N, C-alpha and C. Protein backbone atom coordinates (compact mmCIF):
# COMPACT_ATOMS: atom_id res chain seq x y z
N MET A 1 110.15 133.18 75.42
CA MET A 1 111.20 134.04 75.57
C MET A 1 110.75 135.58 76.14
N ILE A 2 111.41 135.89 77.13
CA ILE A 2 111.07 137.22 77.81
C ILE A 2 112.36 138.16 77.43
N VAL A 3 112.13 139.31 77.02
CA VAL A 3 113.21 140.44 76.80
C VAL A 3 113.09 141.42 77.82
N GLY A 4 114.11 141.86 78.38
CA GLY A 4 114.18 142.88 79.28
C GLY A 4 114.33 144.21 78.43
N VAL A 5 113.44 145.35 78.99
CA VAL A 5 113.52 146.62 78.31
C VAL A 5 113.90 147.56 79.31
N ILE A 6 114.99 148.25 79.24
CA ILE A 6 115.30 149.41 80.08
C ILE A 6 114.78 150.66 79.52
N LEU A 7 113.97 151.35 80.31
CA LEU A 7 113.52 152.77 79.75
C LEU A 7 114.29 153.71 80.13
N ALA A 8 114.87 154.40 79.07
CA ALA A 8 115.64 155.60 79.25
C ALA A 8 115.29 156.62 78.21
N GLY A 9 114.05 156.75 77.80
CA GLY A 9 113.69 157.72 76.77
C GLY A 9 113.15 159.04 77.28
N GLY A 10 113.30 159.27 78.58
CA GLY A 10 112.79 160.60 79.18
C GLY A 10 113.71 161.63 79.00
N ARG A 11 113.28 162.88 79.54
CA ARG A 11 114.03 164.13 79.39
C ARG A 11 114.80 164.48 80.62
N ALA A 12 114.63 163.72 81.74
CA ALA A 12 115.34 163.88 82.89
C ALA A 12 115.25 165.23 83.49
N SER A 13 114.10 165.95 83.26
CA SER A 13 113.94 167.32 83.69
C SER A 13 114.31 167.58 85.30
N ARG A 14 113.84 166.72 86.24
CA ARG A 14 114.15 166.95 87.54
C ARG A 14 115.67 166.72 87.83
N MET A 15 116.51 166.16 86.88
CA MET A 15 117.95 166.16 87.07
C MET A 15 118.68 167.26 86.24
N GLY A 16 117.84 168.18 85.72
CA GLY A 16 118.53 169.31 84.99
C GLY A 16 118.82 168.88 83.58
N GLY A 17 118.15 167.86 83.07
CA GLY A 17 118.24 167.34 81.55
C GLY A 17 119.34 166.59 81.33
N GLY A 18 119.60 166.07 80.22
CA GLY A 18 120.61 165.13 79.69
C GLY A 18 120.22 163.70 79.85
N ASP A 19 121.32 162.89 79.82
CA ASP A 19 121.07 161.43 79.88
C ASP A 19 121.11 160.88 81.30
N LYS A 20 120.10 160.78 82.01
CA LYS A 20 119.93 160.19 83.30
C LYS A 20 120.70 158.75 83.24
N ALA A 21 120.56 158.00 82.25
CA ALA A 21 121.02 156.62 82.19
C ALA A 21 122.50 156.70 82.33
N LEU A 22 123.18 157.74 81.80
CA LEU A 22 124.63 157.72 81.79
C LEU A 22 125.31 158.61 83.17
N LEU A 23 124.38 158.73 83.99
CA LEU A 23 124.87 159.40 85.32
C LEU A 23 125.74 158.27 85.93
N ARG A 24 126.70 158.76 86.64
CA ARG A 24 127.57 157.79 87.34
C ARG A 24 127.19 157.47 88.66
N LEU A 25 127.18 156.14 89.18
CA LEU A 25 126.91 155.73 90.31
C LEU A 25 127.93 154.81 90.73
N GLY A 26 128.64 155.19 91.80
CA GLY A 26 129.76 154.29 92.23
C GLY A 26 130.77 153.96 90.98
N GLY A 27 130.96 154.95 90.23
CA GLY A 27 131.92 154.81 89.05
C GLY A 27 131.36 154.23 87.82
N ARG A 28 130.06 153.93 87.75
CA ARG A 28 129.44 153.24 86.70
C ARG A 28 128.32 153.96 86.32
N PRO A 29 127.92 153.73 84.91
CA PRO A 29 126.61 154.43 84.57
C PRO A 29 125.35 153.75 85.26
N LEU A 30 124.38 154.55 85.52
CA LEU A 30 123.22 154.06 86.18
C LEU A 30 122.65 152.86 85.33
N VAL A 31 122.57 152.98 84.10
CA VAL A 31 121.99 151.91 83.26
C VAL A 31 122.68 150.76 83.27
N ALA A 32 124.10 150.72 83.53
CA ALA A 32 124.77 149.52 83.57
C ALA A 32 124.54 148.90 84.86
N ARG A 33 124.27 149.56 85.93
CA ARG A 33 123.90 148.83 87.30
C ARG A 33 122.41 148.18 87.08
N VAL A 34 121.52 148.95 86.38
CA VAL A 34 120.23 148.22 86.06
C VAL A 34 120.35 147.05 85.28
N ALA A 35 121.15 147.05 84.22
CA ALA A 35 121.28 145.94 83.44
C ALA A 35 122.06 144.77 84.14
N GLU A 36 122.88 145.06 85.06
CA GLU A 36 123.57 144.05 85.68
C GLU A 36 122.46 143.09 86.54
N ARG A 37 121.51 143.91 86.98
CA ARG A 37 120.48 143.01 87.76
C ARG A 37 119.49 142.41 86.96
N LEU A 38 119.14 143.03 85.78
CA LEU A 38 118.21 142.68 84.86
C LEU A 38 118.55 141.54 83.94
N ARG A 39 119.88 141.58 83.42
CA ARG A 39 120.37 140.67 82.39
C ARG A 39 120.27 139.20 82.82
N PRO A 40 120.51 138.64 84.11
CA PRO A 40 120.47 137.32 84.25
C PRO A 40 118.96 136.81 84.44
N GLN A 41 118.12 137.72 84.36
CA GLN A 41 116.67 137.32 84.53
C GLN A 41 115.99 137.14 83.17
N VAL A 42 116.56 137.61 81.96
CA VAL A 42 116.00 137.57 80.77
C VAL A 42 116.84 137.00 79.65
N GLU A 43 116.35 136.78 78.37
CA GLU A 43 117.03 136.24 77.38
C GLU A 43 117.92 137.38 76.71
N ALA A 44 117.32 138.55 76.76
CA ALA A 44 118.12 139.70 75.90
C ALA A 44 117.67 141.03 76.66
N VAL A 45 118.54 141.98 76.55
CA VAL A 45 118.15 143.38 77.10
C VAL A 45 118.26 144.31 75.99
N LEU A 46 117.16 145.25 75.92
CA LEU A 46 117.15 146.28 75.12
C LEU A 46 117.14 147.56 75.81
N LEU A 47 117.50 148.69 75.21
CA LEU A 47 117.59 149.92 75.86
C LEU A 47 116.69 150.87 74.98
N ASN A 48 115.58 151.34 75.57
CA ASN A 48 114.75 152.28 74.87
C ASN A 48 115.46 153.74 75.17
N ALA A 49 115.89 154.44 74.16
CA ALA A 49 116.36 155.64 74.31
C ALA A 49 116.21 156.43 73.06
N ASN A 50 116.03 157.67 73.04
CA ASN A 50 115.91 158.52 71.84
C ASN A 50 117.10 159.37 71.48
N GLY A 51 117.29 159.76 70.35
CA GLY A 51 118.45 160.61 70.12
C GLY A 51 119.56 159.68 69.51
N ASP A 52 120.76 160.16 69.58
CA ASP A 52 121.91 159.30 68.85
C ASP A 52 122.18 158.04 69.78
N PRO A 53 122.06 157.01 69.24
CA PRO A 53 122.30 155.69 70.00
C PRO A 53 123.73 155.52 70.27
N GLY A 54 124.54 156.15 69.46
CA GLY A 54 126.03 155.98 69.70
C GLY A 54 126.46 156.46 71.04
N ARG A 55 125.72 157.24 71.86
CA ARG A 55 126.20 157.61 73.11
C ARG A 55 126.27 156.49 74.14
N PHE A 56 125.54 155.36 73.66
CA PHE A 56 125.48 154.24 74.46
C PHE A 56 126.47 153.01 73.91
N ALA A 57 127.32 153.37 73.10
CA ALA A 57 128.34 152.46 72.50
C ALA A 57 129.10 151.90 73.49
N GLY A 58 129.44 150.63 73.41
CA GLY A 58 130.21 150.09 74.50
C GLY A 58 129.50 149.59 75.65
N LEU A 59 128.25 149.74 75.87
CA LEU A 59 127.46 149.27 76.99
C LEU A 59 126.79 147.96 76.72
N GLY A 60 126.90 147.47 75.45
CA GLY A 60 126.39 146.09 75.19
C GLY A 60 124.77 146.11 74.96
N PHE A 61 124.19 147.17 74.58
CA PHE A 61 122.69 147.20 74.41
C PHE A 61 122.42 147.49 72.93
N GLU A 62 121.32 146.78 72.45
CA GLU A 62 120.66 147.28 71.32
C GLU A 62 119.67 148.43 71.67
N VAL A 63 120.01 149.45 71.11
CA VAL A 63 119.08 150.69 71.42
C VAL A 63 117.95 150.69 70.56
N VAL A 64 116.78 150.76 71.11
CA VAL A 64 115.44 151.04 70.19
C VAL A 64 114.85 152.38 70.71
N ALA A 65 114.62 153.25 69.73
CA ALA A 65 114.05 154.53 69.96
C ALA A 65 112.39 154.38 70.03
N ASP A 66 111.81 155.34 70.44
CA ASP A 66 110.27 155.42 70.26
C ASP A 66 109.89 155.32 68.92
N THR A 67 108.77 154.48 68.74
CA THR A 67 108.23 154.40 67.31
C THR A 67 107.08 155.44 67.07
N VAL A 68 106.65 156.25 68.07
CA VAL A 68 105.74 157.33 67.89
C VAL A 68 106.39 158.60 68.16
N PRO A 69 105.93 159.60 67.47
CA PRO A 69 106.49 160.95 67.65
C PRO A 69 106.31 161.83 68.94
N ASP A 70 107.03 162.73 69.24
CA ASP A 70 106.75 163.78 70.19
C ASP A 70 107.12 163.31 71.71
N LEU A 71 107.83 162.29 71.90
CA LEU A 71 108.25 161.75 73.09
C LEU A 71 107.09 161.69 74.12
N PRO A 72 106.10 160.81 73.82
CA PRO A 72 104.74 160.98 74.73
C PRO A 72 105.01 160.26 76.14
N GLY A 73 106.23 159.85 76.42
CA GLY A 73 106.44 159.22 77.74
C GLY A 73 106.86 157.73 77.65
N PRO A 74 106.77 157.18 78.97
CA PRO A 74 107.27 155.62 78.97
C PRO A 74 106.51 154.75 78.19
N LEU A 75 105.20 154.92 78.20
CA LEU A 75 104.38 154.10 77.30
C LEU A 75 104.82 153.83 75.96
N ALA A 76 105.53 154.99 75.32
CA ALA A 76 106.11 154.83 74.06
C ALA A 76 107.40 153.95 73.95
N GLY A 77 108.03 154.08 75.07
CA GLY A 77 109.26 153.15 75.34
C GLY A 77 108.85 151.76 75.38
N VAL A 78 107.78 151.46 76.12
CA VAL A 78 107.27 150.08 76.24
C VAL A 78 106.85 149.61 74.90
N LEU A 79 106.07 150.45 74.13
CA LEU A 79 105.67 150.03 72.84
C LEU A 79 106.86 149.67 71.94
N ALA A 80 107.96 150.49 71.91
CA ALA A 80 109.16 150.20 71.02
C ALA A 80 109.73 148.95 71.45
N GLY A 81 109.82 148.78 72.82
CA GLY A 81 110.48 147.55 73.38
C GLY A 81 109.53 146.28 72.93
N MET A 82 108.18 146.44 73.00
CA MET A 82 107.32 145.37 72.74
C MET A 82 107.52 144.98 71.06
N GLU A 83 107.58 146.00 70.35
CA GLU A 83 107.63 145.79 68.83
C GLU A 83 108.93 145.08 68.56
N ARG A 84 110.11 145.53 69.12
CA ARG A 84 111.34 144.82 68.72
C ARG A 84 111.38 143.54 69.39
N ALA A 85 110.81 143.21 70.54
CA ALA A 85 110.71 141.93 71.26
C ALA A 85 110.11 140.95 70.29
N ALA A 86 108.81 141.41 69.85
CA ALA A 86 108.04 140.68 69.08
C ALA A 86 108.76 140.25 67.75
N ALA A 87 109.48 141.10 67.01
CA ALA A 87 110.46 140.63 66.02
C ALA A 87 111.39 139.66 66.41
N MET A 88 111.84 139.76 67.67
CA MET A 88 112.81 138.76 68.02
C MET A 88 112.18 137.33 68.35
N GLY A 89 110.92 137.34 68.47
CA GLY A 89 110.30 136.12 68.70
C GLY A 89 109.83 135.88 70.30
N ALA A 90 109.91 137.03 70.99
CA ALA A 90 109.58 136.99 72.32
C ALA A 90 108.13 137.01 72.67
N ALA A 91 107.75 136.46 73.61
CA ALA A 91 106.30 136.35 74.07
C ALA A 91 105.91 137.63 74.95
N ALA A 92 106.97 138.18 75.64
CA ALA A 92 106.81 139.12 76.62
C ALA A 92 108.02 140.00 76.90
N ILE A 93 107.66 141.20 77.52
CA ILE A 93 108.91 141.97 77.95
C ILE A 93 108.68 142.28 79.37
N VAL A 94 109.91 142.43 80.12
CA VAL A 94 109.92 143.01 81.44
C VAL A 94 110.59 144.40 81.36
N THR A 95 109.85 145.29 81.77
CA THR A 95 110.42 146.61 81.86
C THR A 95 110.96 147.07 83.20
N ALA A 96 111.98 148.01 83.17
CA ALA A 96 112.47 148.68 84.35
C ALA A 96 113.05 150.02 83.82
N PRO A 97 112.92 151.09 84.72
CA PRO A 97 113.57 152.24 84.47
C PRO A 97 115.06 152.44 84.59
N CYS A 98 115.57 153.22 83.79
CA CYS A 98 117.13 153.14 83.78
C CYS A 98 117.64 153.80 85.04
N ASP A 99 116.84 154.34 85.89
CA ASP A 99 117.33 155.10 87.04
C ASP A 99 116.99 154.40 88.41
N ALA A 100 116.72 152.97 88.34
CA ALA A 100 116.45 152.20 89.53
C ALA A 100 117.59 151.15 89.73
N PRO A 101 118.64 151.54 90.19
CA PRO A 101 119.80 150.60 90.33
C PRO A 101 119.75 149.49 91.35
N PHE A 102 118.69 149.46 92.09
CA PHE A 102 118.55 148.37 93.07
C PHE A 102 117.44 147.40 92.85
N LEU A 103 116.94 147.33 91.64
CA LEU A 103 115.80 146.60 91.24
C LEU A 103 115.85 145.06 91.72
N PRO A 104 114.82 144.45 92.01
CA PRO A 104 114.93 143.11 92.44
C PRO A 104 115.61 142.08 91.44
N ARG A 105 116.52 141.32 92.12
CA ARG A 105 117.17 140.25 91.25
C ARG A 105 116.26 139.23 90.94
N ASP A 106 115.02 139.21 91.48
CA ASP A 106 114.04 138.13 91.09
C ASP A 106 112.84 138.87 90.44
N LEU A 107 112.99 140.05 89.80
CA LEU A 107 111.84 140.87 89.39
C LEU A 107 111.09 140.02 88.41
N CYS A 108 111.77 139.33 87.37
CA CYS A 108 111.06 138.65 86.36
C CYS A 108 110.24 137.43 86.76
N THR A 109 111.05 136.68 87.67
CA THR A 109 110.47 135.49 88.15
C THR A 109 109.17 135.83 88.86
N ARG A 110 109.33 136.83 89.75
CA ARG A 110 107.93 137.16 90.63
C ARG A 110 106.90 137.85 89.74
N LEU A 111 107.18 138.61 88.80
CA LEU A 111 106.23 139.12 87.87
C LEU A 111 105.46 137.98 87.13
N ALA A 112 106.41 137.19 86.56
CA ALA A 112 105.71 136.18 85.78
C ALA A 112 104.96 135.02 86.62
N GLY A 113 105.33 135.00 87.90
CA GLY A 113 104.58 133.96 88.67
C GLY A 113 103.15 134.72 89.08
N ALA A 114 102.99 135.89 88.81
CA ALA A 114 101.65 136.57 89.09
C ALA A 114 100.67 136.52 88.04
N GLY A 115 101.11 136.34 86.72
CA GLY A 115 100.30 136.39 85.71
C GLY A 115 100.97 136.84 84.47
N PRO A 116 100.23 136.89 83.22
CA PRO A 116 100.80 137.37 82.02
C PRO A 116 100.97 138.88 81.94
N PHE A 117 100.24 139.64 82.67
CA PHE A 117 100.36 141.07 82.51
C PHE A 117 100.30 141.61 83.95
N VAL A 118 101.47 142.13 84.35
CA VAL A 118 101.81 142.48 85.85
C VAL A 118 102.53 143.72 86.12
N LEU A 119 102.11 144.38 87.08
CA LEU A 119 103.01 145.47 87.55
C LEU A 119 103.52 145.26 88.98
N ALA A 120 104.53 145.92 89.39
CA ALA A 120 105.11 145.61 90.74
C ALA A 120 104.58 146.76 91.68
N ALA A 121 104.44 146.34 92.99
CA ALA A 121 104.21 147.28 93.98
C ALA A 121 105.02 146.94 95.18
N GLY A 122 105.46 147.88 96.02
CA GLY A 122 106.27 147.66 97.08
C GLY A 122 105.43 147.10 98.24
N GLY A 123 106.24 146.96 99.44
CA GLY A 123 105.50 146.40 100.47
C GLY A 123 104.41 147.33 101.19
N ASP A 124 104.52 148.62 100.90
CA ASP A 124 103.59 149.55 101.42
C ASP A 124 102.37 149.65 100.41
N GLY A 125 102.30 148.78 99.28
CA GLY A 125 101.32 148.76 98.48
C GLY A 125 101.40 149.88 97.25
N ARG A 126 102.35 150.78 97.40
CA ARG A 126 102.52 151.71 96.32
C ARG A 126 103.00 151.06 95.06
N ARG A 127 102.27 151.43 93.89
CA ARG A 127 102.50 150.79 92.65
C ARG A 127 103.74 151.35 91.90
N HIS A 128 104.43 150.61 91.12
CA HIS A 128 105.61 151.08 90.32
C HIS A 128 105.41 150.44 89.04
N PRO A 129 104.48 151.08 88.16
CA PRO A 129 104.20 150.48 86.90
C PRO A 129 105.25 150.37 85.84
N THR A 130 106.32 151.16 85.99
CA THR A 130 107.25 151.13 85.05
C THR A 130 108.17 149.80 85.21
N PHE A 131 108.00 149.06 86.28
CA PHE A 131 108.41 147.81 86.53
C PHE A 131 107.29 146.68 86.16
N GLY A 132 107.27 146.30 84.85
CA GLY A 132 106.19 145.44 84.64
C GLY A 132 106.43 144.28 83.64
N LEU A 133 105.53 143.23 83.54
CA LEU A 133 105.49 142.25 82.63
C LEU A 133 104.48 142.48 81.62
N TRP A 134 104.81 142.59 80.43
CA TRP A 134 104.00 142.95 79.35
C TRP A 134 103.98 141.92 78.18
N PRO A 135 102.77 141.25 77.88
CA PRO A 135 102.67 140.38 76.77
C PRO A 135 102.94 141.31 75.40
N VAL A 136 103.77 140.81 74.46
CA VAL A 136 103.87 141.54 73.37
C VAL A 136 102.64 141.79 72.45
N ASP A 137 101.63 140.84 72.62
CA ASP A 137 100.39 140.82 72.02
C ASP A 137 99.47 142.08 72.40
N LEU A 138 100.03 142.92 73.40
CA LEU A 138 99.33 144.11 73.72
C LEU A 138 99.88 145.25 72.80
N ARG A 139 100.80 145.04 72.05
CA ARG A 139 101.29 146.21 71.24
C ARG A 139 100.37 147.05 70.41
N VAL A 140 99.50 146.28 69.78
CA VAL A 140 98.46 146.91 68.96
C VAL A 140 97.45 147.76 69.82
N PRO A 141 96.94 147.32 70.90
CA PRO A 141 95.94 148.21 71.62
C PRO A 141 96.87 149.31 72.27
N LEU A 142 98.16 149.09 72.69
CA LEU A 142 99.04 150.06 73.24
C LEU A 142 99.20 151.25 72.26
N ARG A 143 99.55 150.87 70.95
CA ARG A 143 99.78 151.90 69.99
C ARG A 143 98.54 152.75 69.87
N ALA A 144 97.31 152.09 69.78
CA ALA A 144 96.11 152.79 69.70
C ALA A 144 95.81 153.81 70.98
N GLY A 145 96.15 153.24 72.13
CA GLY A 145 95.94 153.95 73.36
C GLY A 145 96.88 155.19 73.37
N ILE A 146 98.07 155.09 72.88
CA ILE A 146 99.00 156.19 72.84
C ILE A 146 98.50 157.32 71.74
N ALA A 147 98.02 156.83 70.54
CA ALA A 147 97.47 157.63 69.56
C ALA A 147 96.17 158.33 70.04
N ALA A 148 95.61 157.74 71.13
CA ALA A 148 94.31 158.33 71.73
C ALA A 148 94.60 159.22 72.84
N GLY A 149 95.83 159.31 73.09
CA GLY A 149 96.31 160.29 74.33
C GLY A 149 96.59 159.58 75.62
N ALA A 150 96.85 158.23 75.54
CA ALA A 150 97.12 157.51 76.93
C ALA A 150 98.61 157.99 77.22
N ARG A 151 98.82 158.39 78.37
CA ARG A 151 100.23 158.71 78.87
C ARG A 151 100.56 158.12 80.16
N ARG A 152 99.65 157.77 80.98
CA ARG A 152 99.91 157.24 82.25
C ARG A 152 100.05 155.77 82.21
N VAL A 153 101.26 155.15 82.75
CA VAL A 153 101.56 153.74 82.58
C VAL A 153 100.52 152.97 83.44
N GLY A 154 100.35 153.31 84.60
CA GLY A 154 99.61 152.55 85.65
C GLY A 154 98.17 152.73 85.15
N ALA A 155 97.58 153.59 84.76
CA ALA A 155 96.30 153.71 84.29
C ALA A 155 95.87 152.93 83.04
N TRP A 156 96.86 152.89 82.13
CA TRP A 156 96.72 152.10 80.95
C TRP A 156 96.80 150.53 81.37
N MET A 157 97.69 150.23 82.27
CA MET A 157 97.68 148.94 82.64
C MET A 157 96.49 148.53 83.42
N ALA A 158 95.99 149.22 84.28
CA ALA A 158 94.77 148.95 85.08
C ALA A 158 93.57 148.81 83.94
N GLU A 159 93.48 149.65 82.96
CA GLU A 159 92.33 149.61 82.13
C GLU A 159 92.36 148.13 81.19
N HIS A 160 93.65 147.65 81.13
CA HIS A 160 93.81 146.38 80.30
C HIS A 160 94.03 145.17 81.19
N GLY A 161 93.75 145.17 82.52
CA GLY A 161 93.60 144.15 83.15
C GLY A 161 94.87 143.56 83.93
N ALA A 162 95.81 144.45 84.04
CA ALA A 162 97.02 144.07 84.70
C ALA A 162 96.89 143.76 86.15
N VAL A 163 97.45 142.83 86.69
CA VAL A 163 97.45 142.52 88.14
C VAL A 163 98.74 142.92 88.85
N VAL A 164 98.84 143.07 90.13
CA VAL A 164 99.89 143.57 90.94
C VAL A 164 100.58 142.44 91.64
N ALA A 165 101.84 142.44 91.48
CA ALA A 165 102.82 141.63 92.29
C ALA A 165 103.40 142.48 93.29
N ARG A 166 103.41 141.97 94.58
CA ARG A 166 103.81 142.79 95.64
C ARG A 166 105.14 142.30 96.05
N PHE A 167 106.12 143.18 96.38
CA PHE A 167 107.51 142.93 96.83
C PHE A 167 107.66 143.65 98.11
N ASP A 168 108.40 143.03 99.04
CA ASP A 168 108.47 143.54 100.36
C ASP A 168 109.52 144.63 100.51
N ASP A 169 110.61 144.51 99.69
CA ASP A 169 111.59 145.44 99.74
C ASP A 169 111.35 146.82 99.03
N GLU A 170 110.82 147.71 99.62
CA GLU A 170 110.41 149.10 99.04
C GLU A 170 111.74 149.70 98.42
N ASP A 171 112.84 149.53 98.92
CA ASP A 171 114.04 150.09 98.42
C ASP A 171 114.50 149.54 97.08
N ALA A 172 113.89 148.41 96.68
CA ALA A 172 114.24 147.96 95.29
C ALA A 172 113.70 148.82 94.30
N PHE A 173 112.74 149.60 94.60
CA PHE A 173 112.13 150.43 93.50
C PHE A 173 112.54 151.87 93.62
N PHE A 174 113.75 152.01 94.47
CA PHE A 174 114.19 153.49 94.56
C PHE A 174 114.61 154.05 93.33
N ASN A 175 114.12 155.26 92.86
CA ASN A 175 114.49 155.92 91.59
C ASN A 175 115.43 157.09 91.92
N VAL A 176 116.43 157.28 91.08
CA VAL A 176 117.28 158.37 90.96
C VAL A 176 116.49 159.51 90.17
N ASN A 177 115.79 160.22 90.86
CA ASN A 177 114.90 161.35 90.03
C ASN A 177 115.52 162.75 90.05
N GLU A 178 116.30 162.99 91.22
CA GLU A 178 116.88 164.42 91.32
C GLU A 178 118.26 164.26 91.96
N PRO A 179 118.92 165.32 91.98
CA PRO A 179 120.31 165.19 92.53
C PRO A 179 120.39 164.61 93.98
N GLY A 180 119.51 164.93 94.75
CA GLY A 180 119.72 164.29 96.12
C GLY A 180 119.46 162.76 96.13
N ASP A 181 118.77 162.30 95.18
CA ASP A 181 118.55 160.87 95.15
C ASP A 181 119.86 160.25 94.74
N LEU A 182 120.65 160.88 93.90
CA LEU A 182 121.79 160.35 93.49
C LEU A 182 122.79 160.24 94.66
N VAL A 183 122.77 161.34 95.44
CA VAL A 183 123.72 161.26 96.72
C VAL A 183 123.26 160.06 97.54
N ALA A 184 121.85 159.92 97.79
CA ALA A 184 121.51 158.83 98.57
C ALA A 184 121.92 157.40 98.05
N ALA A 185 121.74 157.33 96.68
CA ALA A 185 122.21 156.05 96.11
C ALA A 185 123.75 155.84 96.24
N GLU A 186 124.48 157.00 96.11
CA GLU A 186 125.96 156.64 96.40
C GLU A 186 126.19 156.19 97.76
N ALA A 187 125.40 156.83 98.70
CA ALA A 187 125.70 156.25 100.13
C ALA A 187 125.37 154.86 100.34
N ARG A 188 124.21 154.47 99.56
CA ARG A 188 123.84 153.04 99.65
C ARG A 188 124.91 152.11 99.04
N VAL A 189 125.42 152.35 97.81
CA VAL A 189 126.39 151.71 97.13
C VAL A 189 127.60 151.56 98.03
N ALA A 190 128.04 152.53 98.68
CA ALA A 190 129.18 152.62 99.46
C ALA A 190 128.96 151.69 100.72
N ARG A 191 127.81 151.67 101.24
CA ARG A 191 127.45 150.91 102.43
C ARG A 191 127.40 149.48 102.07
N LEU A 192 126.85 149.14 100.92
CA LEU A 192 126.59 147.69 100.40
C LEU A 192 127.89 147.15 99.76
N GLY A 193 128.66 148.04 99.23
CA GLY A 193 130.05 147.54 98.76
C GLY A 193 129.86 147.10 97.27
């Protein structure tokens, strides 16, 4: 079993703070658009978010908070997702950030076809490590790595043998990081219908 984990535990500082996952894109929360693409690919979807989980009520997610203190970044969200997925009996998780509304509809299949521990890259070779397939057996070394100061997702993955799956559509990994990105995403949604 593979569980999807949407990473929404960040501070959204480039967006001026707040819940990036709940920003509206085409009248719907960003996280709902991510889930729409991820849900058909996995057996269950978790949302990694910190703070009051009630703000996501009605979206149909189980919310899992970081299990390590001080908001150390996306690796903590991956760890929280791994720990919950392991308790559910899953062998692996597929991660995606909450601000990537155009993620590939075949993300899970393509990652799983490349190996047991995989990160995505666009057609230009640029790596997107928050889009990854993670065996839940890595949760113990990941917890130790975070405790030792690991913060960079791609660096930790490389150190532990992750391989790269290349995707041709670079737009699939488009992130809404700042207000101008949201405008661009709105234009794309309007164009695609």
